[in-house]
Amino acid sequence: NDELWKKVKNGEVNGFSIEGVFSKNIVKMSEEKT
């Protein structure tokens, strides 16, 4: 794709990012100031 390759070449895109539907499991709820 010429348009996408142009974005790669000029640094407009720098990486991959996923999309999806996932189930959740809460594994930690610790008392912190984080």
PDB file of all heavy atoms in Angstrom:
ATOM      1  N   ASN A   1       0.839  -1.188   0.000  1.00  0.00           N
ATOM      2  CA  ASN A   1       0.000   0.000   0.000  1.00  0.00           C
ATOM      3  C   ASN A   1       0.882   1.249   0.000  1.00  0.00           C
ATOM      4  O   ASN A   1       1.626   1.490   0.955  1.00  0.00           O
ATOM      5  CB  ASN A   1      -0.920  -0.025   1.225  1.00  0.00           C
ATOM      6  CG  ASN A   1      -1.882   1.133   1.266  1.00  0.00           C
ATOM      7  OD1 ASN A   1      -1.481   2.275   1.375  1.00  0.00           O
ATOM      8  ND2 ASN A   1      -3.166   0.825   1.214  1.00  0.00           N
ATOM      9  N   ASP A   2       0.841   2.032  -1.071  1.00  0.00           N
ATOM     10  CA  ASP A   2       1.733   3.189  -1.217  1.00  0.00           C
ATOM     11  C   ASP A   2       1.530   4.222  -0.114  1.00  0.00           C
ATOM     12  O   ASP A   2       2.498   4.797   0.404  1.00  0.00           O
ATOM     13  CB  ASP A   2       1.519   3.858  -2.580  1.00  0.00           C
ATOM     14  CG  ASP A   2       2.015   2.993  -3.729  1.00  0.00           C
ATOM     15  OD1 ASP A   2       2.873   2.112  -3.488  1.00  0.00           O
ATOM     16  OD2 ASP A   2       1.545   3.200  -4.862  1.00  0.00           O
ATOM     17  N   GLU A   3       0.276   4.482   0.239  1.00  0.00           N
ATOM     18  CA  GLU A   3      -0.019   5.485   1.264  1.00  0.00           C
ATOM     19  C   GLU A   3       0.533   5.056   2.624  1.00  0.00           C
ATOM     20  O   GLU A   3       1.139   5.853   3.350  1.00  0.00           O
ATOM     21  CB  GLU A   3      -1.528   5.703   1.362  1.00  0.00           C
ATOM     22  CG  GLU A   3      -1.927   6.762   2.379  1.00  0.00           C
ATOM     23  CD  GLU A   3      -3.424   6.958   2.458  1.00  0.00           C
ATOM     24  OE1 GLU A   3      -4.157   6.395   1.614  1.00  0.00           O
ATOM     25  OE2 GLU A   3      -3.878   7.668   3.377  1.00  0.00           O
ATOM     26  N   LEU A   4       0.350   3.772   2.959  1.00  0.00           N
ATOM     27  CA  LEU A   4       0.846   3.270   4.235  1.00  0.00           C
ATOM     28  C   LEU A   4       2.368   3.248   4.250  1.00  0.00           C
ATOM     29  O   LEU A   4       2.997   3.604   5.258  1.00  0.00           O
ATOM     30  CB  LEU A   4       0.290   1.868   4.502  1.00  0.00           C
ATOM     31  CG  LEU A   4       0.666   1.226   5.836  1.00  0.00           C
ATOM     32  CD1 LEU A   4       0.247   2.102   7.010  1.00  0.00           C
ATOM     33  CD2 LEU A   4       0.056  -0.163   5.961  1.00  0.00           C
ATOM     34  N   TRP A   5       2.990   2.853   3.128  1.00  0.00           N
ATOM     35  CA  TRP A   5       4.449   2.823   3.086  1.00  0.00           C
ATOM     36  C   TRP A   5       5.035   4.222   3.245  1.00  0.00           C
ATOM     37  O   TRP A   5       6.067   4.411   3.882  1.00  0.00           O
ATOM     38  CB  TRP A   5       4.940   2.189   1.784  1.00  0.00           C
ATOM     39  CG  TRP A   5       6.423   2.090   1.720  1.00  0.00           C
ATOM     40  CD1 TRP A   5       7.266   2.763   0.892  1.00  0.00           C
ATOM     41  CD2 TRP A   5       7.267   1.290   2.554  1.00  0.00           C
ATOM     42  NE1 TRP A   5       8.576   2.433   1.144  1.00  0.00           N
ATOM     43  CE2 TRP A   5       8.615   1.521   2.161  1.00  0.00           C
ATOM     44  CE3 TRP A   5       7.017   0.391   3.588  1.00  0.00           C
ATOM     45  CZ2 TRP A   5       9.688   0.893   2.766  1.00  0.00           C
ATOM     46  CZ3 TRP A   5       8.094  -0.241   4.201  1.00  0.00           C
ATOM     47  CH2 TRP A   5       9.409   0.019   3.788  1.00  0.00           C
ATOM     48  N   LYS A   6       4.358   5.201   2.701  1.00  0.00           N
ATOM     49  CA  LYS A   6       4.792   6.589   2.860  1.00  0.00           C
ATOM     50  C   LYS A   6       4.781   6.991   4.327  1.00  0.00           C
ATOM     51  O   LYS A   6       5.683   7.666   4.817  1.00  0.00           O
ATOM     52  CB  LYS A   6       3.895   7.523   2.048  1.00  0.00           C
ATOM     53  CG  LYS A   6       4.326   8.976   2.072  1.00  0.00           C
ATOM     54  CD  LYS A   6       3.425   9.841   1.206  1.00  0.00           C
ATOM     55  CE  LYS A   6       3.849  11.301   1.245  1.00  0.00           C
ATOM     56  NZ  LYS A   6       2.969  12.151   0.411  1.00  0.00           N
ATOM     57  N   LYS A   7       3.757   6.544   5.067  1.00  0.00           N
ATOM     58  CA  LYS A   7       3.667   6.845   6.501  1.00  0.00           C
ATOM     59  C   LYS A   7       4.794   6.150   7.271  1.00  0.00           C
ATOM     60  O   LYS A   7       5.325   6.690   8.246  1.00  0.00           O
ATOM     61  CB  LYS A   7       2.304   6.407   7.048  1.00  0.00           C
ATOM     62  CG  LYS A   7       1.118   7.202   6.506  1.00  0.00           C
ATOM     63  CD  LYS A   7      -0.188   6.696   7.107  1.00  0.00           C
ATOM     64  CE  LYS A   7      -1.398   7.350   6.456  1.00  0.00           C
ATOM     65  NZ  LYS A   7      -1.446   8.796   6.661  1.00  0.00           N
ATOM     66  N   VAL A   8       5.155   4.943   6.825  1.00  0.00           N
ATOM     67  CA  VAL A   8       6.277   4.235   7.445  1.00  0.00           C
ATOM     68  C   VAL A   8       7.576   5.004   7.199  1.00  0.00           C
ATOM     69  O   VAL A   8       8.373   5.239   8.117  1.00  0.00           O
ATOM     70  CB  VAL A   8       6.405   2.797   6.890  1.00  0.00           C
ATOM     71  CG1 VAL A   8       7.693   2.141   7.384  1.00  0.00           C
ATOM     72  CG2 VAL A   8       5.201   1.955   7.309  1.00  0.00           C
ATOM     73  N   LYS A   9       7.790   5.413   5.947  1.00  0.00           N
ATOM     74  CA  LYS A   9       9.042   6.072   5.567  1.00  0.00           C
ATOM     75  C   LYS A   9       9.226   7.415   6.266  1.00  0.00           C
ATOM     76  O   LYS A   9      10.344   7.778   6.638  1.00  0.00           O
ATOM     77  CB  LYS A   9       9.071   6.271   4.049  1.00  0.00           C
ATOM     78  CG  LYS A   9       9.218   4.986   3.259  1.00  0.00           C
ATOM     79  CD  LYS A   9      10.622   4.437   3.321  1.00  0.00           C
ATOM     80  CE  LYS A   9      11.571   5.292   2.514  1.00  0.00           C
ATOM     81  NZ  LYS A   9      12.961   4.767   2.566  1.00  0.00           N
ATOM     82  N   ASN A  10       8.126   8.176   6.428  1.00  0.00           N
ATOM     83  CA  ASN A  10       8.271   9.503   7.034  1.00  0.00           C
ATOM     84  C   ASN A  10       8.129   9.480   8.556  1.00  0.00           C
ATOM     85  O   ASN A  10       8.124  10.526   9.203  1.00  0.00           O
ATOM     86  CB  ASN A  10       7.294  10.511   6.406  1.00  0.00           C
ATOM     87  CG  ASN A  10       5.833  10.190   6.691  1.00  0.00           C
ATOM     88  OD1 ASN A  10       5.513   9.486   7.643  1.00  0.00           O
ATOM     89  ND2 ASN A  10       4.938  10.723   5.873  1.00  0.00           N
ATOM     90  N   GLY A  11       8.011   8.265   9.128  1.00  0.00           N
ATOM     91  CA  GLY A  11       7.964   8.139  10.580  1.00  0.00           C
ATOM     92  C   GLY A  11       6.612   8.416  11.199  1.00  0.00           C
ATOM     93  O   GLY A  11       6.495   8.530  12.423  1.00  0.00           O
ATOM     94  N   GLU A  12       5.584   8.491  10.366  1.00  0.00           N
ATOM     95  CA  GLU A  12       4.239   8.750  10.892  1.00  0.00           C
ATOM     96  C   GLU A  12       3.696   7.536  11.632  1.00  0.00           C
ATOM     97  O   GLU A  12       2.871   7.672  12.530  1.00  0.00           O
ATOM     98  CB  GLU A  12       3.310   9.137   9.744  1.00  0.00           C
ATOM     99  CG  GLU A  12       1.978   9.708  10.188  1.00  0.00           C
ATOM    100  CD  GLU A  12       1.142  10.218   9.040  1.00  0.00           C
ATOM    101  OE1 GLU A  12       1.709  10.465   7.957  1.00  0.00           O
ATOM    102  OE2 GLU A  12      -0.081  10.372   9.229  1.00  0.00           O
ATOM    103  N   VAL A  13       4.119   6.348  11.232  1.00  0.00           N
ATOM    104  CA  VAL A  13       3.784   5.138  11.981  1.00  0.00           C
ATOM    105  C   VAL A  13       5.072   4.481  12.442  1.00  0.00           C
ATOM    106  O   VAL A  13       6.060   4.442  11.718  1.00  0.00           O
ATOM    107  CB  VAL A  13       2.924   4.142  11.161  1.00  0.00           C
ATOM    108  CG1 VAL A  13       1.569   4.724  10.861  1.00  0.00           C
ATOM    109  CG2 VAL A  13       3.621   3.734   9.874  1.00  0.00           C
ATOM    110  N   ASN A  14       5.066   3.971  13.673  1.00  0.00           N
ATOM    111  CA  ASN A  14       6.292   3.439  14.281  1.00  0.00           C
ATOM    112  C   ASN A  14       6.139   2.046  14.880  1.00  0.00           C
ATOM    113  O   ASN A  14       7.106   1.482  15.382  1.00  0.00           O
ATOM    114  CB  ASN A  14       6.767   4.375  15.396  1.00  0.00           C
ATOM    115  CG  ASN A  14       7.209   5.719  14.857  1.00  0.00           C
ATOM    116  OD1 ASN A  14       8.181   5.801  14.127  1.00  0.00           O
ATOM    117  ND2 ASN A  14       6.491   6.764  15.218  1.00  0.00           N
ATOM    118  N   GLY A  15       4.942   1.503  14.858  1.00  0.00           N
ATOM    119  CA  GLY A  15       4.792   0.200  15.492  1.00  0.00           C
ATOM    120  C   GLY A  15       3.441  -0.426  15.259  1.00  0.00           C
ATOM    121  O   GLY A  15       2.584   0.122  14.554  1.00  0.00           O
ATOM    122  N   PHE A  16       3.263  -1.594  15.879  1.00  0.00           N
ATOM    123  CA  PHE A  16       2.022  -2.350  15.763  1.00  0.00           C
ATOM    124  C   PHE A  16       1.211  -2.240  17.051  1.00  0.00           C
ATOM    125  O   PHE A  16       1.769  -2.109  18.139  1.00  0.00           O
ATOM    126  CB  PHE A  16       2.315  -3.830  15.499  1.00  0.00           C
ATOM    127  CG  PHE A  16       3.100  -4.087  14.246  1.00  0.00           C
ATOM    128  CD1 PHE A  16       4.290  -4.794  14.290  1.00  0.00           C
ATOM    129  CD2 PHE A  16       2.653  -3.619  13.022  1.00  0.00           C
ATOM    130  CE1 PHE A  16       5.022  -5.042  13.137  1.00  0.00           C
ATOM    131  CE2 PHE A  16       3.374  -3.854  11.859  1.00  0.00           C
ATOM    132  CZ  PHE A  16       4.566  -4.570  11.919  1.00  0.00           C
ATOM    133  N   SER A  17      -0.091  -2.314  16.908  1.00  0.00           N
ATOM    134  CA  SER A  17      -0.991  -2.257  18.053  1.00  0.00           C
ATOM    135  C   SER A  17      -2.158  -3.200  17.779  1.00  0.00           C
ATOM    136  O   SER A  17      -2.743  -3.167  16.695  1.00  0.00           O
ATOM    137  CB  SER A  17      -1.501  -0.822  18.245  1.00  0.00           C
ATOM    138  OG  SER A  17      -2.487  -0.760  19.248  1.00  0.00           O
ATOM    139  N   ILE A  18      -2.480  -4.039  18.741  1.00  0.00           N
ATOM    140  CA  ILE A  18      -3.511  -5.053  18.509  1.00  0.00           C
ATOM    141  C   ILE A  18      -4.908  -4.544  18.850  1.00  0.00           C
ATOM    142  O   ILE A  18      -5.080  -3.633  19.652  1.00  0.00           O
ATOM    143  CB  ILE A  18      -3.225  -6.345  19.306  1.00  0.00           C
ATOM    144  CG1 ILE A  18      -3.320  -6.076  20.814  1.00  0.00           C
ATOM    145  CG2 ILE A  18      -1.878  -6.923  18.921  1.00  0.00           C
ATOM    146  CD1 ILE A  18      -3.308  -7.345  21.654  1.00  0.00           C
ATOM    147  N   GLU A  19      -5.907  -5.153  18.217  1.00  0.00           N
ATOM    148  CA  GLU A  19      -7.306  -4.946  18.556  1.00  0.00           C
ATOM    149  C   GLU A  19      -7.930  -6.317  18.768  1.00  0.00           C
ATOM    150  O   GLU A  19      -7.649  -7.253  18.024  1.00  0.00           O
ATOM    151  CB  GLU A  19      -8.067  -4.260  17.423  1.00  0.00           C
ATOM    152  CG  GLU A  19      -7.669  -2.839  17.145  1.00  0.00           C
ATOM    153  CD  GLU A  19      -8.523  -2.233  16.038  1.00  0.00           C
ATOM    154  OE1 GLU A  19      -9.642  -2.741  15.799  1.00  0.00           O
ATOM    155  OE2 GLU A  19      -8.077  -1.262  15.413  1.00  0.00           O
ATOM    156  N   GLY A  20      -8.798  -6.425  19.757  1.00  0.00           N
ATOM    157  CA  GLY A  20      -9.467  -7.696  19.959  1.00  0.00           C
ATOM    158  C   GLY A  20     -10.441  -7.657  21.109  1.00  0.00           C
ATOM    159  O   GLY A  20     -10.568  -6.653  21.814  1.00  0.00           O
ATOM    160  N   VAL A  21     -11.140  -8.756  21.280  1.00  0.00           N
ATOM    161  CA  VAL A  21     -12.074  -8.924  22.390  1.00  0.00           C
ATOM    162  C   VAL A  21     -11.478  -9.970  23.324  1.00  0.00           C
ATOM    163  O   VAL A  21     -11.216 -11.106  22.918  1.00  0.00           O
ATOM    164  CB  VAL A  21     -13.466  -9.380  21.897  1.00  0.00           C
ATOM    165  CG1 VAL A  21     -14.407  -9.590  23.073  1.00  0.00           C
ATOM    166  CG2 VAL A  21     -14.050  -8.337  20.939  1.00  0.00           C
ATOM    167  N   PHE A  22     -11.260  -9.589  24.573  1.00  0.00           N
ATOM    168  CA  PHE A  22     -10.628 -10.473  25.541  1.00  0.00           C
ATOM    169  C   PHE A  22     -11.474 -10.553  26.807  1.00  0.00           C
ATOM    170  O   PHE A  22     -12.141  -9.592  27.184  1.00  0.00           O
ATOM    171  CB  PHE A  22      -9.228  -9.970  25.913  1.00  0.00           C
ATOM    172  CG  PHE A  22      -8.289  -9.845  24.754  1.00  0.00           C
ATOM    173  CD1 PHE A  22      -8.177  -8.643  24.064  1.00  0.00           C
ATOM    174  CD2 PHE A  22      -7.530 -10.920  24.339  1.00  0.00           C
ATOM    175  CE1 PHE A  22      -7.321  -8.523  22.988  1.00  0.00           C
ATOM    176  CE2 PHE A  22      -6.666 -10.804  23.268  1.00  0.00           C
ATOM    177  CZ  PHE A  22      -6.561  -9.610  22.586  1.00  0.00           C
ATOM    178  N   SER A  23     -11.404 -11.694  27.463  1.00  0.00           N
ATOM    179  CA  SER A  23     -12.028 -11.843  28.767  1.00  0.00           C
ATOM    180  C   SER A  23     -11.072 -11.321  29.838  1.00  0.00           C
ATOM    181  O   SER A  23      -9.866 -11.201  29.600  1.00  0.00           O
ATOM    182  CB  SER A  23     -12.373 -13.311  29.034  1.00  0.00           C
ATOM    183  OG  SER A  23     -13.383 -13.752  28.142  1.00  0.00           O
ATOM    184  N   LYS A  24     -11.623 -11.006  31.005  1.00  0.00           N
ATOM    185  CA  LYS A  24     -10.827 -10.388  32.067  1.00  0.00           C
ATOM    186  C   LYS A  24     -10.786 -11.251  33.317  1.00  0.00           C
ATOM    187  O   LYS A  24     -11.746 -11.934  33.655  1.00  0.00           O
ATOM    188  CB  LYS A  24     -11.431  -9.039  32.476  1.00  0.00           C
ATOM    189  CG  LYS A  24     -11.227  -7.913  31.514  1.00  0.00           C
ATOM    190  CD  LYS A  24     -11.841  -6.650  32.108  1.00  0.00           C
ATOM    191  CE  LYS A  24     -11.629  -5.444  31.228  1.00  0.00           C
ATOM    192  NZ  LYS A  24     -12.203  -4.216  31.830  1.00  0.00           N
ATOM    193  N   ASN A  25      -9.661 -11.165  34.010  1.00  0.00           N
ATOM    194  CA  ASN A  25      -9.521 -11.816  35.308  1.00  0.00           C
ATOM    195  C   ASN A  25      -8.697 -10.888  36.208  1.00  0.00           C
ATOM    196  O   ASN A  25      -7.522 -10.657  35.938  1.00  0.00           O
ATOM    197  CB  ASN A  25      -8.813 -13.168  35.165  1.00  0.00           C
ATOM    198  CG  ASN A  25      -8.620 -13.856  36.496  1.00  0.00           C
ATOM    199  OD1 ASN A  25      -9.440 -13.720  37.409  1.00  0.00           O
ATOM    200  ND2 ASN A  25      -7.530 -14.598  36.625  1.00  0.00           N
ATOM    201  N   ILE A  26      -9.331 -10.329  37.233  1.00  0.00           N
ATOM    202  CA  ILE A  26      -8.604  -9.444  38.141  1.00  0.00           C
ATOM    203  C   ILE A  26      -7.695 -10.292  39.021  1.00  0.00           C
ATOM    204  O   ILE A  26      -8.146 -11.174  39.740  1.00  0.00           O
ATOM    205  CB  ILE A  26      -9.572  -8.624  39.020  1.00  0.00           C
ATOM    206  CG1 ILE A  26     -10.424  -7.701  38.134  1.00  0.00           C
ATOM    207  CG2 ILE A  26      -8.808  -7.790  40.038  1.00  0.00           C
ATOM    208  CD1 ILE A  26     -11.450  -6.895  38.889  1.00  0.00           C
ATOM    209  N   VAL A  27      -6.391 -10.023  38.947  1.00  0.00           N
ATOM    210  CA  VAL A  27      -5.434 -10.852  39.675  1.00  0.00           C
ATOM    211  C   VAL A  27      -4.772 -10.122  40.829  1.00  0.00           C
ATOM    212  O   VAL A  27      -4.112 -10.740  41.657  1.00  0.00           O
ATOM    213  CB  VAL A  27      -4.344 -11.399  38.729  1.00  0.00           C
ATOM    214  CG1 VAL A  27      -4.957 -12.310  37.684  1.00  0.00           C
ATOM    215  CG2 VAL A  27      -3.578 -10.274  38.063  1.00  0.00           C
ATOM    216  N   LYS A  28      -4.917  -8.796  40.895  1.00  0.00           N
ATOM    217  CA  LYS A  28      -4.251  -8.075  41.972  1.00  0.00           C
ATOM    218  C   LYS A  28      -4.958  -6.758  42.234  1.00  0.00           C
ATOM    219  O   LYS A  28      -5.260  -6.006  41.320  1.00  0.00           O
ATOM    220  CB  LYS A  28      -2.782  -7.803  41.603  1.00  0.00           C
ATOM    221  CG  LYS A  28      -1.978  -7.066  42.669  1.00  0.00           C
ATOM    222  CD  LYS A  28      -0.535  -6.874  42.206  1.00  0.00           C
ATOM    223  CE  LYS A  28       0.307  -6.153  43.228  1.00  0.00           C
ATOM    224  NZ  LYS A  28       1.685  -5.910  42.763  1.00  0.00           N
ATOM    225  N   MET A  29      -5.214  -6.481  43.504  1.00  0.00           N
ATOM    226  CA  MET A  29      -5.715  -5.176  43.924  1.00  0.00           C
ATOM    227  C   MET A  29      -5.001  -4.831  45.225  1.00  0.00           C
ATOM    228  O   MET A  29      -5.512  -5.044  46.316  1.00  0.00           O
ATOM    229  CB  MET A  29      -7.229  -5.185  44.126  1.00  0.00           C
ATOM    230  CG  MET A  29      -8.024  -5.385  42.850  1.00  0.00           C
ATOM    231  SD  MET A  29      -9.807  -5.269  43.096  1.00  0.00           S
ATOM    232  CE  MET A  29      -9.975  -3.511  43.432  1.00  0.00           C
ATOM    233  N   SER A  30      -3.765  -4.347  45.110  1.00  0.00           N
ATOM    234  CA  SER A  30      -2.945  -4.117  46.288  1.00  0.00           C
ATOM    235  C   SER A  30      -3.023  -2.664  46.746  1.00  0.00           C
ATOM    236  O   SER A  30      -3.239  -1.755  45.942  1.00  0.00           O
ATOM    237  CB  SER A  30      -1.483  -4.486  46.000  1.00  0.00           C
ATOM    238  OG  SER A  30      -0.998  -3.747  44.915  1.00  0.00           O
ATOM    239  N   GLU A  31      -2.843  -2.440  48.035  1.00  0.00           N
ATOM    240  CA  GLU A  31      -2.897  -1.101  48.608  1.00  0.00           C
ATOM    241  C   GLU A  31      -1.580  -0.378  48.335  1.00  0.00           C
ATOM    242  O   GLU A  31      -0.570  -0.642  48.944  1.00  0.00           O
ATOM    243  CB  GLU A  31      -3.143  -1.193  50.124  1.00  0.00           C
ATOM    244  CG  GLU A  31      -4.477  -1.815  50.501  1.00  0.00           C
ATOM    245  CD  GLU A  31      -5.644  -0.905  50.149  1.00  0.00           C
ATOM    246  OE1 GLU A  31      -5.431   0.318  50.038  1.00  0.00           O
ATOM    247  OE2 GLU A  31      -6.761  -1.411  49.988  1.00  0.00           O
ATOM    248  N   GLU A  32      -1.590   0.535  47.374  1.00  0.00           N
ATOM    249  CA  GLU A  32      -0.386   1.261  47.031  1.00  0.00           C
ATOM    250  C   GLU A  32      -0.739   2.693  46.658  1.00  0.00           C
ATOM    251  O   GLU A  32      -1.896   3.026  46.415  1.00  0.00           O
ATOM    252  CB  GLU A  32       0.325   0.605  45.829  1.00  0.00           C
ATOM    253  CG  GLU A  32       0.790  -0.817  46.115  1.00  0.00           C
ATOM    254  CD  GLU A  32       1.403  -1.457  44.886  1.00  0.00           C
ATOM    255  OE1 GLU A  32       1.451  -0.792  43.839  1.00  0.00           O
ATOM    256  OE2 GLU A  32       1.826  -2.613  44.985  1.00  0.00           O
ATOM    257  N   LYS A  33       0.282   3.529  46.569  1.00  0.00           N
ATOM    258  CA  LYS A  33       0.078   4.901  46.113  1.00  0.00           C
ATOM    259  C   LYS A  33       0.418   5.043  44.629  1.00  0.00           C
ATOM    260  O   LYS A  33       0.504   6.134  44.097  1.00  0.00           O
ATOM    261  CB  LYS A  33       0.936   5.869  46.926  1.00  0.00           C
ATOM    262  CG  LYS A  33       0.442   6.061  48.359  1.00  0.00           C
ATOM    263  CD  LYS A  33       1.226   7.159  49.049  1.00  0.00           C
ATOM    264  CE  LYS A  33       0.665   7.419  50.451  1.00  0.00           C
ATOM    265  NZ  LYS A  33       1.405   8.478  51.165  1.00  0.00           N
ATOM    266  N   THR A  34       0.595   3.891  43.979  1.00  0.00           N
ATOM    267  CA  THR A  34       1.022   3.890  42.590  1.00  0.00           C
ATOM    268  C   THR A  34       0.052   4.654  41.693  1.00  0.00           C
ATOM    269  O   THR A  34       0.453   5.481  40.880  1.00  0.00           O
ATOM    270  CB  THR A  34       1.150   2.441  42.079  1.00  0.00           C
ATOM    271  OG1 THR A  34       2.069   1.745  42.903  1.00  0.00           O
ATOM    272  CG2 THR A  34       1.633   2.421  40.642  1.00  0.00           C
TER     273      THR A  34
END
